[in-house]
Amino acid sequence: MSDQVTIYHNPRCGKSRDTLKLIEDKGISPKIVEYLKEPPSAAELARILGLLGKRPAEILRKKEAAEAGIDPAKLDDSALIQAMVANPIVIERPIVVADAKAALGRPPESVLAIL
C-alpha cells in the first residue's frame, strides 16, 4: 500500500466521487486536490503524464476542450499542457497518484492497481 496517495478530484463528478470513496473504503486518507480550484503546474502535469504513460491529448476532455477553443491537433505537447493548466476543466478526471505510479479513475476500479 502506498504511503502517500493524491487524488486530483472534482467533487461534482460522479466518477471522481466514486473513485474517492473506493480509496477511502480501502482505509486510505488521500490528499485531495480540487484541481479546478488548484490546477497543477505545467511541470506537475508533465510529471503526472509521465507516471500515467500518456500524452496530453490522451487525458483531454474533448467536449470541454472544444468549448475552450483548444484544438490538440494544432498544439504540440508542451503547448497543450500549458492550455490544460490554464483551463483545468479540460483535464480528464479523476487522476490518482500513489508514490511513483498514477492511474486515471475511469473506471474507478482502475486505481486499485496502484494502491
C-alpha atoms as a PDB file:
ATOM      1  CA  MET A   1       0.000   0.000   0.000  1.00  0.00           C
ATOM      2  CA  SER A   2       1.162   3.476  -0.817  1.00  0.00           C
ATOM      3  CA  ASP A   3       2.325   5.911   1.833  1.00  0.00           C
ATOM      4  CA  GLN A   4       1.025   8.973   0.010  1.00  0.00           C
ATOM      5  CA  VAL A   5      -1.985   8.948  -2.272  1.00  0.00           C
ATOM      6  CA  THR A   6      -3.189  12.075  -4.048  1.00  0.00           C
ATOM      7  CA  ILE A   7      -6.432  12.368  -5.977  1.00  0.00           C
ATOM      8  CA  TYR A   8      -6.971  15.164  -8.469  1.00  0.00           C
ATOM      9  CA  HIS A   9     -10.667  15.452  -7.774  1.00  0.00           C
ATOM     10  CA  ASN A  10     -13.767  17.250  -8.975  1.00  0.00           C
ATOM     11  CA  PRO A  11     -16.479  16.839  -6.329  1.00  0.00           C
ATOM     12  CA  ARG A  12     -19.183  17.482  -8.954  1.00  0.00           C
ATOM     13  CA  CYS A  13     -18.104  14.437 -10.997  1.00  0.00           C
ATOM     14  CA  GLY A  14     -19.674  11.076 -10.190  1.00  0.00           C
ATOM     15  CA  LYS A  15     -16.637   9.052 -11.321  1.00  0.00           C
ATOM     16  CA  SER A  16     -14.399  11.252  -9.201  1.00  0.00           C
ATOM     17  CA  ARG A  17     -16.646  10.804  -6.145  1.00  0.00           C
ATOM     18  CA  ASP A  18     -16.810   7.034  -6.743  1.00  0.00           C
ATOM     19  CA  THR A  19     -13.007   6.837  -7.030  1.00  0.00           C
ATOM     20  CA  LEU A  20     -12.518   8.828  -3.821  1.00  0.00           C
ATOM     21  CA  LYS A  21     -14.952   6.533  -1.983  1.00  0.00           C
ATOM     22  CA  LEU A  22     -13.139   3.458  -3.312  1.00  0.00           C
ATOM     23  CA  ILE A  23      -9.822   4.806  -1.983  1.00  0.00           C
ATOM     24  CA  GLU A  24     -11.316   5.727   1.391  1.00  0.00           C
ATOM     25  CA  ASP A  25     -13.042   2.325   1.644  1.00  0.00           C
ATOM     26  CA  LYS A  26      -9.539   0.773   1.470  1.00  0.00           C
ATOM     27  CA  GLY A  27      -8.638   2.714   4.631  1.00  0.00           C
ATOM     28  CA  ILE A  28      -6.579   5.328   2.785  1.00  0.00           C
ATOM     29  CA  SER A  29      -6.960   9.029   3.532  1.00  0.00           C
ATOM     30  CA  PRO A  30      -5.744  10.612   0.305  1.00  0.00           C
ATOM     31  CA  LYS A  31      -4.585  14.153  -0.222  1.00  0.00           C
ATOM     32  CA  ILE A  32      -7.479  15.691  -2.149  1.00  0.00           C
ATOM     33  CA  VAL A  33      -6.589  18.295  -4.753  1.00  0.00           C
ATOM     34  CA  GLU A  34      -9.632  20.012  -6.211  1.00  0.00           C
ATOM     35  CA  TYR A  35      -7.823  20.642  -9.461  1.00  0.00           C
ATOM     36  CA  LEU A  36     -10.393  23.154 -10.738  1.00  0.00           C
ATOM     37  CA  LYS A  37      -9.516  25.390  -7.752  1.00  0.00           C
ATOM     38  CA  GLU A  38      -5.819  24.374  -7.557  1.00  0.00           C
ATOM     39  CA  PRO A  39      -4.677  23.326 -11.020  1.00  0.00           C
ATOM     40  CA  PRO A  40      -1.367  21.513 -11.242  1.00  0.00           C
ATOM     41  CA  SER A  41       1.593  23.443 -12.589  1.00  0.00           C
ATOM     42  CA  ALA A  42       2.824  22.592 -16.072  1.00  0.00           C
ATOM     43  CA  ALA A  43       5.753  20.714 -14.522  1.00  0.00           C
ATOM     44  CA  GLU A  44       3.441  18.733 -12.210  1.00  0.00           C
ATOM     45  CA  LEU A  45       1.058  17.879 -15.054  1.00  0.00           C
ATOM     46  CA  ALA A  46       4.018  16.745 -17.182  1.00  0.00           C
ATOM     47  CA  ARG A  47       5.185  14.558 -14.262  1.00  0.00           C
ATOM     48  CA  ILE A  48       1.702  13.060 -13.872  1.00  0.00           C
ATOM     49  CA  LEU A  49       1.525  12.368 -17.603  1.00  0.00           C
ATOM     50  CA  GLY A  50       4.864  10.578 -17.337  1.00  0.00           C
ATOM     51  CA  LEU A  51       3.560   8.437 -14.478  1.00  0.00           C
ATOM     52  CA  LEU A  52       0.406   7.666 -16.458  1.00  0.00           C
ATOM     53  CA  GLY A  53       2.433   6.860 -19.564  1.00  0.00           C
ATOM     54  CA  LYS A  54       0.141   9.124 -21.583  1.00  0.00           C
ATOM     55  CA  ARG A  55       0.449  12.145 -23.823  1.00  0.00           C
ATOM     56  CA  PRO A  56      -1.573  15.287 -23.019  1.00  0.00           C
ATOM     57  CA  ALA A  57      -4.166  14.659 -25.745  1.00  0.00           C
ATOM     58  CA  GLU A  58      -4.953  11.283 -24.150  1.00  0.00           C
ATOM     59  CA  ILE A  59      -6.277  12.907 -20.953  1.00  0.00           C
ATOM     60  CA  LEU A  60      -8.027  15.800 -22.670  1.00  0.00           C
ATOM     61  CA  ARG A  61     -11.785  16.054 -22.253  1.00  0.00           C
ATOM     62  CA  LYS A  62     -12.812  16.577 -25.873  1.00  0.00           C
ATOM     63  CA  LYS A  63     -16.090  18.470 -25.366  1.00  0.00           C
ATOM     64  CA  GLU A  64     -14.634  20.842 -22.768  1.00  0.00           C
ATOM     65  CA  ALA A  65     -11.526  21.378 -24.912  1.00  0.00           C
ATOM     66  CA  ALA A  66     -13.665  22.316 -27.912  1.00  0.00           C
ATOM     67  CA  GLU A  67     -15.699  24.703 -25.744  1.00  0.00           C
ATOM     68  CA  ALA A  68     -12.447  26.297 -24.522  1.00  0.00           C
ATOM     69  CA  GLY A  69     -11.166  26.643 -28.086  1.00  0.00           C
ATOM     70  CA  ILE A  70      -8.347  24.141 -27.557  1.00  0.00           C
ATOM     71  CA  ASP A  71      -7.514  22.134 -30.686  1.00  0.00           C
ATOM     72  CA  PRO A  72      -4.989  19.412 -29.769  1.00  0.00           C
ATOM     73  CA  ALA A  73      -4.183  18.859 -33.450  1.00  0.00           C
ATOM     74  CA  LYS A  74      -2.752  22.383 -33.629  1.00  0.00           C
ATOM     75  CA  LEU A  75      -0.672  22.237 -30.420  1.00  0.00           C
ATOM     76  CA  ASP A  76       2.494  20.369 -29.505  1.00  0.00           C
ATOM     77  CA  ASP A  77       2.575  18.551 -26.156  1.00  0.00           C
ATOM     78  CA  SER A  78       4.151  21.491 -24.317  1.00  0.00           C
ATOM     79  CA  ALA A  79       1.581  23.987 -25.601  1.00  0.00           C
ATOM     80  CA  LEU A  80      -1.231  21.545 -24.859  1.00  0.00           C
ATOM     81  CA  ILE A  81      -0.009  21.132 -21.271  1.00  0.00           C
ATOM     82  CA  GLN A  82       0.033  24.934 -20.898  1.00  0.00           C
ATOM     83  CA  ALA A  83      -3.531  25.122 -22.260  1.00  0.00           C
ATOM     84  CA  MET A  84      -4.650  22.387 -19.852  1.00  0.00           C
ATOM     85  CA  VAL A  85      -3.146  24.198 -16.861  1.00  0.00           C
ATOM     86  CA  ALA A  86      -4.831  27.440 -17.944  1.00  0.00           C
ATOM     87  CA  ASN A  87      -8.175  25.600 -18.452  1.00  0.00           C
ATOM     88  CA  PRO A  88      -8.162  22.750 -15.904  1.00  0.00           C
ATOM     89  CA  ILE A  89     -11.757  21.784 -16.749  1.00  0.00           C
ATOM     90  CA  VAL A  90     -10.324  20.082 -19.865  1.00  0.00           C
ATOM     91  CA  ILE A  91      -8.217  17.622 -17.815  1.00  0.00           C
ATOM     92  CA  GLU A  92      -9.793  14.168 -17.542  1.00  0.00           C
ATOM     93  CA  ARG A  93     -10.682  13.214 -14.004  1.00  0.00           C
ATOM     94  CA  PRO A  94     -10.020  11.790 -11.561  1.00  0.00           C
ATOM     95  CA  ILE A  95      -6.305  11.147 -11.578  1.00  0.00           C
ATOM     96  CA  VAL A  96      -4.818   9.253  -8.645  1.00  0.00           C
ATOM     97  CA  VAL A  97      -1.105   9.378  -7.875  1.00  0.00           C
ATOM     98  CA  ALA A  98       0.417   6.895  -5.431  1.00  0.00           C
ATOM     99  CA  ASP A  99       4.160   7.140  -4.917  1.00  0.00           C
ATOM    100  CA  ALA A 100       5.697   6.777  -8.395  1.00  0.00           C
ATOM    101  CA  LYS A 101       2.545   5.461 -10.074  1.00  0.00           C
ATOM    102  CA  ALA A 102      -0.601   7.079 -11.410  1.00  0.00           C
ATOM    103  CA  ALA A 103      -3.939   5.929 -12.791  1.00  0.00           C
ATOM    104  CA  LEU A 104      -6.987   7.521 -14.321  1.00  0.00           C
ATOM    105  CA  GLY A 105     -10.127   6.631 -12.379  1.00  0.00           C
ATOM    106  CA  ARG A 106     -12.164   5.656 -15.433  1.00  0.00           C
ATOM    107  CA  PRO A 107     -13.480   3.244 -14.337  1.00  0.00           C
ATOM    108  CA  PRO A 108     -12.867   3.944 -10.653  1.00  0.00           C
ATOM    109  CA  GLU A 109     -11.586   0.387 -10.090  1.00  0.00           C
ATOM    110  CA  SER A 110      -8.615   1.062 -12.363  1.00  0.00           C
ATOM    111  CA  VAL A 111      -6.879   2.894  -9.494  1.00  0.00           C
ATOM    112  CA  LEU A 112      -6.782  -0.254  -7.336  1.00  0.00           C
ATOM    113  CA  ALA A 113      -3.730  -1.495  -9.251  1.00  0.00           C
ATOM    114  CA  ILE A 114      -1.577   1.357  -7.917  1.00  0.00           C
ATOM    115  CA  LEU A 115      -2.744   1.381  -4.292  1.00  0.00           C
END
